Amino acid sequence: MKRNPWRIFVDAVMRMSATRANYWSELGVDGVLCVLLLVLGWQRHAGGPLTALLAIGLGLFAFSFIEYFFHRWMFHTRVPLFAQGHDQHHARPLGYDSLPFFLPPAVLLALAGVFVLLMPTGFALLLAGAITFGYIVYGLSHFIIHHVRFRQPLLRRWAAAHHVHHYHPESNFGVTTPLWDVLLGTRYVRQPRSR
């Protein structure tokens, strides 16, 4: 029986996405893209330092929602590209399951292109660079939460909030911040034991 070439490609990408090499390649490619966007944005920014900082702040704020949105409404759905890899992560939290290394930079570049069409180039590139930086921080934070045992109480609570998500997958979608979980009512609240 002949297999569908598309299915063969998808299976190969899924296998590759679960490798350590893919995980660290993505981090490297994203890091280069982030620096490139921020440097070019800074060079082309026509406004002053305050508007540059505004673009970076808006980008980080926007990413906090993007993180929540994808985790809640894309990774916990039936969209195979997202759900299959995320289901593997829930089954094996210490694994290296991630998106294919080429997908996030392609999406981030497309987003930067849309921003350049809608706003001044420098501001747009700084905004996209900050979103890319947020994505890198998210990826590293998520990795660290699963691979490091913290001793400092604040860091332990931060990591515990994500670990709770693995036992209560309908809550705690934010990894880097609980902001959107609090605002949208998905923050896990421990129920008191009944006597």
N, C-alpha and C. Protein backbone atom coordinates (compact mmCIF):
# COMPACT_ATOMS: atom_id res chain seq x y z
N MET A 1 0.84 -1.18 0.00
CA MET A 1 0.00 0.00 0.00
C MET A 1 0.89 1.25 0.00
N LYS A 2 0.61 2.17 -0.90
CA LYS A 2 1.40 3.39 -1.05
C LYS A 2 0.93 4.43 -0.03
N ARG A 3 1.90 5.02 0.67
CA ARG A 3 1.56 6.05 1.66
C ARG A 3 1.49 7.42 1.01
N ASN A 4 0.64 8.24 1.54
CA ASN A 4 0.46 9.60 1.08
C ASN A 4 1.75 10.39 1.33
N PRO A 5 2.33 11.07 0.31
CA PRO A 5 3.58 11.82 0.51
C PRO A 5 3.44 12.92 1.57
N TRP A 6 2.27 13.55 1.64
CA TRP A 6 2.05 14.59 2.65
C TRP A 6 2.14 13.99 4.05
N ARG A 7 1.54 12.81 4.25
CA ARG A 7 1.56 12.13 5.55
C ARG A 7 2.98 11.74 5.93
N ILE A 8 3.76 11.29 4.95
CA ILE A 8 5.16 10.94 5.19
C ILE A 8 5.92 12.18 5.67
N PHE A 9 5.69 13.32 5.01
CA PHE A 9 6.35 14.57 5.39
C PHE A 9 5.95 14.99 6.81
N VAL A 10 4.65 14.97 7.09
CA VAL A 10 4.16 15.37 8.42
C VAL A 10 4.75 14.46 9.50
N ASP A 11 4.77 13.16 9.25
CA ASP A 11 5.34 12.22 10.23
C ASP A 11 6.82 12.51 10.48
N ALA A 12 7.55 12.81 9.41
CA ALA A 12 8.98 13.12 9.55
C ALA A 12 9.19 14.40 10.35
N VAL A 13 8.36 15.42 10.08
CA VAL A 13 8.46 16.68 10.83
C VAL A 13 8.12 16.46 12.30
N MET A 14 7.10 15.65 12.57
CA MET A 14 6.73 15.36 13.97
C MET A 14 7.86 14.63 14.70
N ARG A 15 8.48 13.68 14.04
CA ARG A 15 9.61 12.97 14.67
C ARG A 15 10.77 13.93 14.93
N MET A 16 11.08 14.77 13.93
CA MET A 16 12.16 15.73 14.07
C MET A 16 11.86 16.73 15.19
N SER A 17 10.60 17.12 15.33
CA SER A 17 10.21 18.12 16.33
C SER A 17 10.41 17.65 17.75
N ALA A 18 10.50 16.36 17.96
CA ALA A 18 10.67 15.81 19.31
C ALA A 18 12.14 15.58 19.66
N THR A 19 13.05 16.13 18.86
CA THR A 19 14.47 15.90 19.12
C THR A 19 15.12 17.08 19.84
N ARG A 20 16.17 16.78 20.53
CA ARG A 20 16.96 17.81 21.21
C ARG A 20 17.54 18.80 20.20
N ALA A 21 18.00 18.28 19.06
CA ALA A 21 18.59 19.13 18.02
C ALA A 21 17.58 20.15 17.51
N ASN A 22 16.34 19.73 17.31
CA ASN A 22 15.30 20.67 16.85
C ASN A 22 15.08 21.75 17.90
N TYR A 23 14.99 21.35 19.17
CA TYR A 23 14.72 22.30 20.24
C TYR A 23 15.79 23.39 20.28
N TRP A 24 17.05 22.99 20.31
CA TRP A 24 18.14 23.95 20.43
C TRP A 24 18.37 24.71 19.13
N SER A 25 18.07 24.08 17.97
CA SER A 25 18.16 24.80 16.68
C SER A 25 17.14 25.93 16.65
N GLU A 26 15.93 25.63 17.12
CA GLU A 26 14.91 26.67 17.15
C GLU A 26 15.35 27.84 18.03
N LEU A 27 15.90 27.55 19.18
CA LEU A 27 16.36 28.61 20.07
C LEU A 27 17.43 29.45 19.38
N GLY A 28 18.36 28.80 18.69
CA GLY A 28 19.42 29.53 17.99
C GLY A 28 18.88 30.40 16.86
N VAL A 29 18.00 29.84 16.04
CA VAL A 29 17.42 30.60 14.92
C VAL A 29 16.58 31.75 15.46
N ASP A 30 15.79 31.49 16.49
CA ASP A 30 14.96 32.56 17.08
C ASP A 30 15.83 33.65 17.68
N GLY A 31 16.94 33.27 18.32
CA GLY A 31 17.85 34.25 18.91
C GLY A 31 18.46 35.17 17.87
N VAL A 32 18.90 34.59 16.75
CA VAL A 32 19.47 35.40 15.66
C VAL A 32 18.40 36.33 15.10
N LEU A 33 17.20 35.81 14.88
CA LEU A 33 16.10 36.63 14.36
C LEU A 33 15.78 37.77 15.31
N CYS A 34 15.75 37.49 16.60
CA CYS A 34 15.44 38.52 17.61
C CYS A 34 16.46 39.66 17.56
N VAL A 35 17.73 39.30 17.57
CA VAL A 35 18.79 40.32 17.52
C VAL A 35 18.69 41.13 16.23
N LEU A 36 18.48 40.44 15.11
CA LEU A 36 18.36 41.11 13.82
C LEU A 36 17.20 42.10 13.81
N LEU A 37 16.04 41.67 14.28
CA LEU A 37 14.87 42.56 14.31
C LEU A 37 15.09 43.77 15.22
N LEU A 38 15.66 43.53 16.39
CA LEU A 38 15.87 44.63 17.34
C LEU A 38 16.92 45.62 16.83
N VAL A 39 18.01 45.10 16.27
CA VAL A 39 19.07 45.99 15.76
C VAL A 39 18.55 46.80 14.57
N LEU A 40 17.92 46.12 13.61
CA LEU A 40 17.37 46.84 12.45
C LEU A 40 16.28 47.82 12.87
N GLY A 41 15.46 47.42 13.83
CA GLY A 41 14.41 48.31 14.33
C GLY A 41 14.99 49.55 14.97
N TRP A 42 16.03 49.36 15.77
CA TRP A 42 16.67 50.49 16.44
C TRP A 42 17.30 51.43 15.41
N GLN A 43 17.96 50.85 14.40
CA GLN A 43 18.61 51.67 13.36
C GLN A 43 17.59 52.45 12.53
N ARG A 44 16.44 51.87 12.27
CA ARG A 44 15.44 52.50 11.40
C ARG A 44 14.38 53.29 12.16
N HIS A 45 14.44 53.24 13.48
CA HIS A 45 13.44 53.93 14.27
C HIS A 45 13.65 55.44 14.19
N ALA A 46 12.61 56.14 13.74
CA ALA A 46 12.71 57.58 13.54
C ALA A 46 12.34 58.36 14.80
N GLY A 47 11.63 57.72 15.73
CA GLY A 47 11.22 58.40 16.95
C GLY A 47 12.35 58.39 17.98
N GLY A 48 12.02 58.89 19.15
CA GLY A 48 13.00 58.93 20.22
C GLY A 48 13.04 57.64 21.01
N PRO A 49 13.87 57.61 22.05
CA PRO A 49 14.01 56.42 22.87
C PRO A 49 12.70 55.99 23.56
N LEU A 50 11.85 56.96 23.90
CA LEU A 50 10.59 56.60 24.57
C LEU A 50 9.66 55.82 23.65
N THR A 51 9.58 56.21 22.38
CA THR A 51 8.72 55.45 21.46
C THR A 51 9.34 54.09 21.14
N ALA A 52 10.67 54.01 21.16
CA ALA A 52 11.32 52.71 20.97
C ALA A 52 10.99 51.79 22.15
N LEU A 53 11.07 52.33 23.36
CA LEU A 53 10.72 51.54 24.54
C LEU A 53 9.23 51.18 24.55
N LEU A 54 8.38 52.08 24.04
CA LEU A 54 6.97 51.79 23.92
C LEU A 54 6.74 50.59 22.99
N ALA A 55 7.44 50.58 21.85
CA ALA A 55 7.31 49.46 20.91
C ALA A 55 7.74 48.15 21.57
N ILE A 56 8.83 48.18 22.31
CA ILE A 56 9.32 46.97 22.98
C ILE A 56 8.34 46.54 24.07
N GLY A 57 7.86 47.49 24.86
CA GLY A 57 6.88 47.16 25.90
C GLY A 57 5.59 46.60 25.32
N LEU A 58 5.10 47.19 24.23
CA LEU A 58 3.90 46.68 23.57
C LEU A 58 4.13 45.27 23.02
N GLY A 59 5.31 45.04 22.49
CA GLY A 59 5.64 43.71 21.97
C GLY A 59 5.64 42.65 23.06
N LEU A 60 6.23 42.98 24.20
CA LEU A 60 6.25 42.01 25.31
C LEU A 60 4.84 41.77 25.85
N PHE A 61 4.06 42.83 25.96
CA PHE A 61 2.68 42.69 26.42
C PHE A 61 1.87 41.85 25.42
N ALA A 62 2.04 42.14 24.13
CA ALA A 62 1.33 41.37 23.10
C ALA A 62 1.73 39.91 23.17
N PHE A 63 3.02 39.64 23.37
CA PHE A 63 3.43 38.24 23.43
C PHE A 63 2.79 37.52 24.62
N SER A 64 2.63 38.21 25.73
CA SER A 64 2.02 37.54 26.89
C SER A 64 0.64 37.00 26.53
N PHE A 65 -0.11 37.76 25.71
CA PHE A 65 -1.42 37.28 25.27
C PHE A 65 -1.28 36.20 24.19
N ILE A 66 -0.33 36.35 23.29
CA ILE A 66 -0.10 35.34 22.25
C ILE A 66 0.22 34.00 22.91
N GLU A 67 1.06 34.01 23.93
CA GLU A 67 1.41 32.79 24.67
C GLU A 67 0.15 32.13 25.23
N TYR A 68 -0.66 32.93 25.91
CA TYR A 68 -1.90 32.42 26.50
C TYR A 68 -2.84 31.89 25.42
N PHE A 69 -3.03 32.68 24.36
CA PHE A 69 -3.94 32.32 23.27
C PHE A 69 -3.56 30.97 22.66
N PHE A 70 -2.30 30.81 22.29
CA PHE A 70 -1.88 29.56 21.66
C PHE A 70 -2.00 28.38 22.62
N HIS A 71 -1.57 28.59 23.85
CA HIS A 71 -1.63 27.47 24.80
C HIS A 71 -3.07 27.06 25.08
N ARG A 72 -3.92 28.02 25.28
CA ARG A 72 -5.30 27.68 25.63
C ARG A 72 -6.12 27.23 24.42
N TRP A 73 -6.09 28.00 23.33
CA TRP A 73 -7.04 27.76 22.24
C TRP A 73 -6.46 27.03 21.04
N MET A 74 -5.15 26.84 20.99
CA MET A 74 -4.57 26.09 19.87
C MET A 74 -4.00 24.76 20.35
N PHE A 75 -3.17 24.79 21.40
CA PHE A 75 -2.54 23.55 21.86
C PHE A 75 -3.51 22.60 22.52
N HIS A 76 -4.56 23.12 23.12
CA HIS A 76 -5.57 22.28 23.77
C HIS A 76 -6.84 22.19 22.91
N THR A 77 -6.62 21.94 21.62
CA THR A 77 -7.74 21.76 20.69
C THR A 77 -7.47 20.51 19.86
N ARG A 78 -8.22 20.38 18.79
CA ARG A 78 -8.05 19.25 17.90
C ARG A 78 -7.27 19.61 16.64
N VAL A 79 -6.58 20.74 16.61
CA VAL A 79 -5.74 21.11 15.47
C VAL A 79 -4.48 20.24 15.53
N PRO A 80 -4.35 19.26 14.62
CA PRO A 80 -3.28 18.26 14.74
C PRO A 80 -1.88 18.85 14.86
N LEU A 81 -1.56 19.87 14.07
CA LEU A 81 -0.21 20.43 14.11
C LEU A 81 0.18 20.86 15.52
N PHE A 82 -0.77 21.45 16.23
CA PHE A 82 -0.48 21.95 17.57
C PHE A 82 -0.79 20.90 18.65
N ALA A 83 -1.94 20.29 18.58
CA ALA A 83 -2.40 19.40 19.64
C ALA A 83 -1.54 18.14 19.77
N GLN A 84 -1.13 17.57 18.66
CA GLN A 84 -0.37 16.32 18.73
C GLN A 84 0.94 16.51 19.49
N GLY A 85 1.70 17.54 19.15
CA GLY A 85 2.95 17.80 19.85
C GLY A 85 2.72 18.18 21.30
N HIS A 86 1.66 18.94 21.57
CA HIS A 86 1.40 19.36 22.94
C HIS A 86 0.93 18.17 23.79
N ASP A 87 0.15 17.28 23.17
CA ASP A 87 -0.26 16.07 23.89
C ASP A 87 0.96 15.24 24.27
N GLN A 88 1.95 15.18 23.36
CA GLN A 88 3.19 14.46 23.68
C GLN A 88 3.89 15.12 24.86
N HIS A 89 3.88 16.44 24.89
CA HIS A 89 4.51 17.14 26.01
C HIS A 89 3.81 16.80 27.33
N HIS A 90 2.49 16.75 27.32
CA HIS A 90 1.78 16.41 28.56
C HIS A 90 2.07 14.97 28.97
N ALA A 91 2.27 14.09 28.00
CA ALA A 91 2.60 12.69 28.32
C ALA A 91 4.05 12.55 28.79
N ARG A 92 4.95 13.35 28.23
CA ARG A 92 6.38 13.28 28.56
C ARG A 92 6.91 14.70 28.80
N PRO A 93 6.66 15.28 29.97
CA PRO A 93 7.04 16.69 30.20
C PRO A 93 8.53 16.96 30.13
N LEU A 94 9.37 15.94 30.28
CA LEU A 94 10.81 16.16 30.23
C LEU A 94 11.36 15.98 28.82
N GLY A 95 10.51 15.69 27.86
CA GLY A 95 10.95 15.52 26.48
C GLY A 95 11.27 16.85 25.82
N TYR A 96 11.66 16.77 24.58
CA TYR A 96 12.04 17.96 23.82
C TYR A 96 11.00 18.30 22.76
N ASP A 97 9.75 17.97 23.00
CA ASP A 97 8.70 18.23 22.02
C ASP A 97 8.52 19.73 21.85
N SER A 98 8.62 20.17 20.62
CA SER A 98 8.42 21.59 20.33
C SER A 98 7.97 21.70 18.88
N LEU A 99 7.70 22.92 18.46
CA LEU A 99 7.34 23.14 17.08
C LEU A 99 8.58 22.91 16.20
N PRO A 100 8.40 22.58 14.93
CA PRO A 100 9.55 22.44 14.04
C PRO A 100 10.36 23.73 14.03
N PHE A 101 11.69 23.61 14.06
CA PHE A 101 12.55 24.78 14.24
C PHE A 101 12.32 25.89 13.22
N PHE A 102 11.80 25.57 12.06
CA PHE A 102 11.61 26.57 11.01
C PHE A 102 10.26 27.28 11.10
N LEU A 103 9.31 26.74 11.84
CA LEU A 103 7.96 27.31 11.85
C LEU A 103 7.86 28.63 12.63
N PRO A 104 8.31 28.71 13.90
CA PRO A 104 8.19 29.99 14.61
C PRO A 104 8.90 31.16 13.92
N PRO A 105 10.15 30.98 13.42
CA PRO A 105 10.77 32.13 12.75
C PRO A 105 10.01 32.56 11.49
N ALA A 106 9.45 31.59 10.77
CA ALA A 106 8.67 31.94 9.57
C ALA A 106 7.45 32.75 9.96
N VAL A 107 6.76 32.34 11.02
CA VAL A 107 5.57 33.07 11.48
C VAL A 107 5.98 34.46 11.99
N LEU A 108 7.07 34.52 12.74
CA LEU A 108 7.52 35.81 13.28
C LEU A 108 7.95 36.77 12.17
N LEU A 109 8.59 36.26 11.12
CA LEU A 109 8.96 37.11 9.99
C LEU A 109 7.72 37.61 9.25
N ALA A 110 6.74 36.72 9.08
CA ALA A 110 5.48 37.14 8.43
C ALA A 110 4.79 38.22 9.26
N LEU A 111 4.79 38.04 10.58
CA LEU A 111 4.20 39.04 11.47
C LEU A 111 4.93 40.37 11.35
N ALA A 112 6.26 40.32 11.30
CA ALA A 112 7.05 41.54 11.13
C ALA A 112 6.68 42.22 9.81
N GLY A 113 6.49 41.43 8.76
CA GLY A 113 6.10 41.98 7.46
C GLY A 113 4.76 42.69 7.52
N VAL A 114 3.81 42.10 8.22
CA VAL A 114 2.49 42.73 8.38
C VAL A 114 2.64 44.04 9.16
N PHE A 115 3.43 44.01 10.23
CA PHE A 115 3.64 45.22 11.02
C PHE A 115 4.25 46.34 10.17
N VAL A 116 5.23 45.99 9.31
CA VAL A 116 5.89 46.99 8.46
C VAL A 116 4.89 47.64 7.51
N LEU A 117 3.90 46.87 7.08
CA LEU A 117 2.87 47.43 6.19
C LEU A 117 1.94 48.39 6.93
N LEU A 118 1.80 48.21 8.25
CA LEU A 118 0.81 48.96 9.01
C LEU A 118 1.36 50.13 9.82
N MET A 119 2.67 50.17 10.04
CA MET A 119 3.24 51.20 10.91
C MET A 119 4.65 51.54 10.47
N PRO A 120 5.25 52.57 11.03
CA PRO A 120 6.62 52.92 10.65
C PRO A 120 7.58 51.72 10.84
N THR A 121 8.51 51.58 9.90
CA THR A 121 9.37 50.40 9.85
C THR A 121 10.12 50.16 11.15
N GLY A 122 10.75 51.16 11.69
CA GLY A 122 11.54 50.98 12.91
C GLY A 122 10.68 50.50 14.07
N PHE A 123 9.54 51.14 14.26
CA PHE A 123 8.62 50.76 15.32
C PHE A 123 8.15 49.32 15.12
N ALA A 124 7.80 48.99 13.86
CA ALA A 124 7.31 47.65 13.53
C ALA A 124 8.36 46.58 13.83
N LEU A 125 9.61 46.84 13.47
CA LEU A 125 10.67 45.85 13.70
C LEU A 125 10.98 45.70 15.18
N LEU A 126 10.94 46.81 15.93
CA LEU A 126 11.13 46.72 17.38
C LEU A 126 10.00 45.92 18.03
N LEU A 127 8.77 46.17 17.59
CA LEU A 127 7.62 45.44 18.10
C LEU A 127 7.78 43.94 17.82
N ALA A 128 8.12 43.59 16.59
CA ALA A 128 8.31 42.18 16.22
C ALA A 128 9.50 41.57 16.96
N GLY A 129 10.55 42.35 17.15
CA GLY A 129 11.72 41.86 17.89
C GLY A 129 11.37 41.56 19.34
N ALA A 130 10.55 42.41 19.95
CA ALA A 130 10.13 42.18 21.34
C ALA A 130 9.23 40.96 21.44
N ILE A 131 8.35 40.75 20.47
CA ILE A 131 7.51 39.55 20.47
C ILE A 131 8.40 38.31 20.33
N THR A 132 9.41 38.39 19.47
CA THR A 132 10.35 37.27 19.31
C THR A 132 11.10 37.02 20.61
N PHE A 133 11.53 38.09 21.28
CA PHE A 133 12.20 37.94 22.57
C PHE A 133 11.28 37.27 23.59
N GLY A 134 10.01 37.70 23.61
CA GLY A 134 9.04 37.07 24.50
C GLY A 134 8.92 35.57 24.23
N TYR A 135 8.92 35.20 22.96
CA TYR A 135 8.82 33.79 22.60
C TYR A 135 10.04 33.00 23.09
N ILE A 136 11.21 33.61 22.98
CA ILE A 136 12.44 32.96 23.47
C ILE A 136 12.38 32.78 24.98
N VAL A 137 11.97 33.82 25.69
CA VAL A 137 11.85 33.75 27.15
C VAL A 137 10.84 32.67 27.55
N TYR A 138 9.73 32.63 26.83
CA TYR A 138 8.73 31.58 27.08
C TYR A 138 9.35 30.19 26.91
N GLY A 139 10.02 29.97 25.79
CA GLY A 139 10.61 28.65 25.52
C GLY A 139 11.62 28.25 26.58
N LEU A 140 12.50 29.18 26.94
CA LEU A 140 13.49 28.87 27.98
C LEU A 140 12.84 28.67 29.34
N SER A 141 11.85 29.51 29.66
CA SER A 141 11.15 29.38 30.94
C SER A 141 10.49 28.01 31.05
N HIS A 142 9.82 27.62 29.99
CA HIS A 142 9.12 26.34 29.99
C HIS A 142 10.11 25.18 30.16
N PHE A 143 11.23 25.26 29.46
CA PHE A 143 12.27 24.22 29.58
C PHE A 143 12.81 24.17 31.01
N ILE A 144 13.12 25.33 31.57
CA ILE A 144 13.69 25.40 32.92
C ILE A 144 12.71 24.88 33.95
N ILE A 145 11.44 25.25 33.81
CA ILE A 145 10.42 24.79 34.76
C ILE A 145 10.40 23.27 34.85
N HIS A 146 10.58 22.61 33.71
CA HIS A 146 10.51 21.15 33.69
C HIS A 146 11.84 20.46 34.01
N HIS A 147 12.95 21.18 33.93
CA HIS A 147 14.25 20.52 34.10
C HIS A 147 15.06 20.98 35.31
N VAL A 148 14.54 21.95 36.05
CA VAL A 148 15.29 22.47 37.20
C VAL A 148 14.41 22.37 38.45
N ARG A 149 15.01 21.97 39.54
CA ARG A 149 14.31 21.97 40.83
C ARG A 149 14.78 23.21 41.59
N PHE A 150 13.85 24.14 41.77
CA PHE A 150 14.19 25.41 42.40
C PHE A 150 14.19 25.28 43.92
N ARG A 151 15.05 26.06 44.55
CA ARG A 151 15.08 26.11 46.02
C ARG A 151 14.46 27.41 46.53
N GLN A 152 14.56 28.45 45.73
CA GLN A 152 14.05 29.76 46.12
C GLN A 152 12.52 29.71 46.08
N PRO A 153 11.82 30.11 47.16
CA PRO A 153 10.36 29.98 47.23
C PRO A 153 9.58 30.64 46.10
N LEU A 154 9.97 31.84 45.68
CA LEU A 154 9.25 32.53 44.61
C LEU A 154 9.36 31.74 43.30
N LEU A 155 10.54 31.24 42.99
CA LEU A 155 10.72 30.44 41.78
C LEU A 155 9.98 29.11 41.87
N ARG A 156 9.94 28.55 43.06
CA ARG A 156 9.19 27.29 43.25
C ARG A 156 7.70 27.50 42.97
N ARG A 157 7.15 28.62 43.45
CA ARG A 157 5.74 28.92 43.21
C ARG A 157 5.47 29.16 41.72
N TRP A 158 6.41 29.86 41.07
CA TRP A 158 6.29 30.12 39.63
C TRP A 158 6.26 28.79 38.86
N ALA A 159 7.18 27.90 39.16
CA ALA A 159 7.22 26.60 38.48
C ALA A 159 6.00 25.76 38.84
N ALA A 160 5.59 25.82 40.09
CA ALA A 160 4.43 25.02 40.53
C ALA A 160 3.17 25.41 39.77
N ALA A 161 3.02 26.69 39.45
CA ALA A 161 1.82 27.12 38.71
C ALA A 161 1.73 26.40 37.37
N HIS A 162 2.86 26.17 36.72
CA HIS A 162 2.82 25.44 35.46
C HIS A 162 2.63 23.94 35.69
N HIS A 163 3.27 23.41 36.71
CA HIS A 163 3.10 21.98 37.00
C HIS A 163 1.62 21.67 37.30
N VAL A 164 0.93 22.59 37.94
CA VAL A 164 -0.50 22.41 38.20
C VAL A 164 -1.25 22.23 36.88
N HIS A 165 -0.83 22.96 35.85
CA HIS A 165 -1.49 22.84 34.54
C HIS A 165 -1.44 21.41 34.01
N HIS A 166 -0.40 20.69 34.32
CA HIS A 166 -0.28 19.31 33.83
C HIS A 166 -1.28 18.38 34.53
N TYR A 167 -1.75 18.76 35.70
CA TYR A 167 -2.76 17.96 36.41
C TYR A 167 -4.17 18.52 36.22
N HIS A 168 -4.25 19.81 35.90
CA HIS A 168 -5.52 20.49 35.65
C HIS A 168 -5.39 21.26 34.34
N PRO A 169 -5.45 20.56 33.19
CA PRO A 169 -5.15 21.18 31.91
C PRO A 169 -6.13 22.26 31.45
N GLU A 170 -7.18 22.48 32.20
CA GLU A 170 -8.12 23.55 31.86
C GLU A 170 -7.75 24.85 32.57
N SER A 171 -6.60 24.88 33.23
CA SER A 171 -6.18 26.07 33.98
C SER A 171 -4.69 26.35 33.79
N ASN A 172 -4.28 27.54 34.23
CA ASN A 172 -2.88 27.96 34.23
C ASN A 172 -2.21 27.81 32.87
N PHE A 173 -2.73 28.52 31.87
CA PHE A 173 -2.17 28.46 30.52
C PHE A 173 -0.95 29.34 30.37
N GLY A 174 -0.83 30.38 31.18
CA GLY A 174 0.33 31.26 31.11
C GLY A 174 1.54 30.62 31.76
N VAL A 175 2.66 30.62 31.06
CA VAL A 175 3.90 30.08 31.61
C VAL A 175 4.74 31.21 32.17
N THR A 176 4.90 32.28 31.41
CA THR A 176 5.76 33.37 31.87
C THR A 176 5.05 34.32 32.81
N THR A 177 3.73 34.40 32.71
CA THR A 177 2.98 35.30 33.59
C THR A 177 1.57 34.75 33.82
N PRO A 178 1.03 34.95 35.01
CA PRO A 178 -0.36 34.54 35.26
C PRO A 178 -1.39 35.59 34.85
N LEU A 179 -0.93 36.70 34.25
CA LEU A 179 -1.81 37.83 33.95
C LEU A 179 -3.10 37.42 33.26
N TRP A 180 -3.03 36.72 32.13
CA TRP A 180 -4.22 36.40 31.36
C TRP A 180 -5.06 35.33 32.03
N ASP A 181 -4.43 34.43 32.79
CA ASP A 181 -5.21 33.45 33.57
C ASP A 181 -6.06 34.17 34.60
N VAL A 182 -5.49 35.19 35.23
CA VAL A 182 -6.25 35.96 36.22
C VAL A 182 -7.37 36.73 35.54
N LEU A 183 -7.04 37.44 34.46
CA LEU A 183 -8.04 38.26 33.77
C LEU A 183 -9.15 37.45 33.12
N LEU A 184 -8.83 36.25 32.61
CA LEU A 184 -9.82 35.45 31.89
C LEU A 184 -10.38 34.28 32.71
N GLY A 185 -10.06 34.27 34.00
CA GLY A 185 -10.67 33.30 34.91
C GLY A 185 -10.19 31.87 34.78
N THR A 186 -8.97 31.66 34.30
CA THR A 186 -8.46 30.29 34.18
C THR A 186 -7.32 30.01 35.17
N ARG A 187 -7.10 30.91 36.09
CA ARG A 187 -6.08 30.68 37.13
C ARG A 187 -6.60 29.60 38.07
N TYR A 188 -5.77 28.59 38.33
CA TYR A 188 -6.17 27.50 39.21
C TYR A 188 -6.27 28.01 40.64
N VAL A 189 -7.39 27.71 41.26
CA VAL A 189 -7.59 28.05 42.67
C VAL A 189 -7.83 26.74 43.40
N ARG A 190 -6.98 26.48 44.36
CA ARG A 190 -7.09 25.23 45.12
C ARG A 190 -8.38 25.24 45.93
N GLN A 191 -9.14 24.19 45.80
CA GLN A 191 -10.40 24.06 46.53
C GLN A 191 -10.12 23.53 47.94
N PRO A 192 -10.72 24.12 48.94
CA PRO A 192 -10.52 23.61 50.30
C PRO A 192 -11.13 22.20 50.43
N ARG A 193 -10.46 21.37 51.18
CA ARG A 193 -10.95 20.02 51.39
C ARG A 193 -12.19 20.06 52.28
N SER A 194 -13.17 19.28 51.90
CA SER A 194 -14.38 19.23 52.73
C SER A 194 -14.16 18.23 53.86
N ARG A 195 -14.71 18.53 54.98
CA ARG A 195 -14.49 17.68 56.18
C ARG A 195 -15.61 16.72 56.35
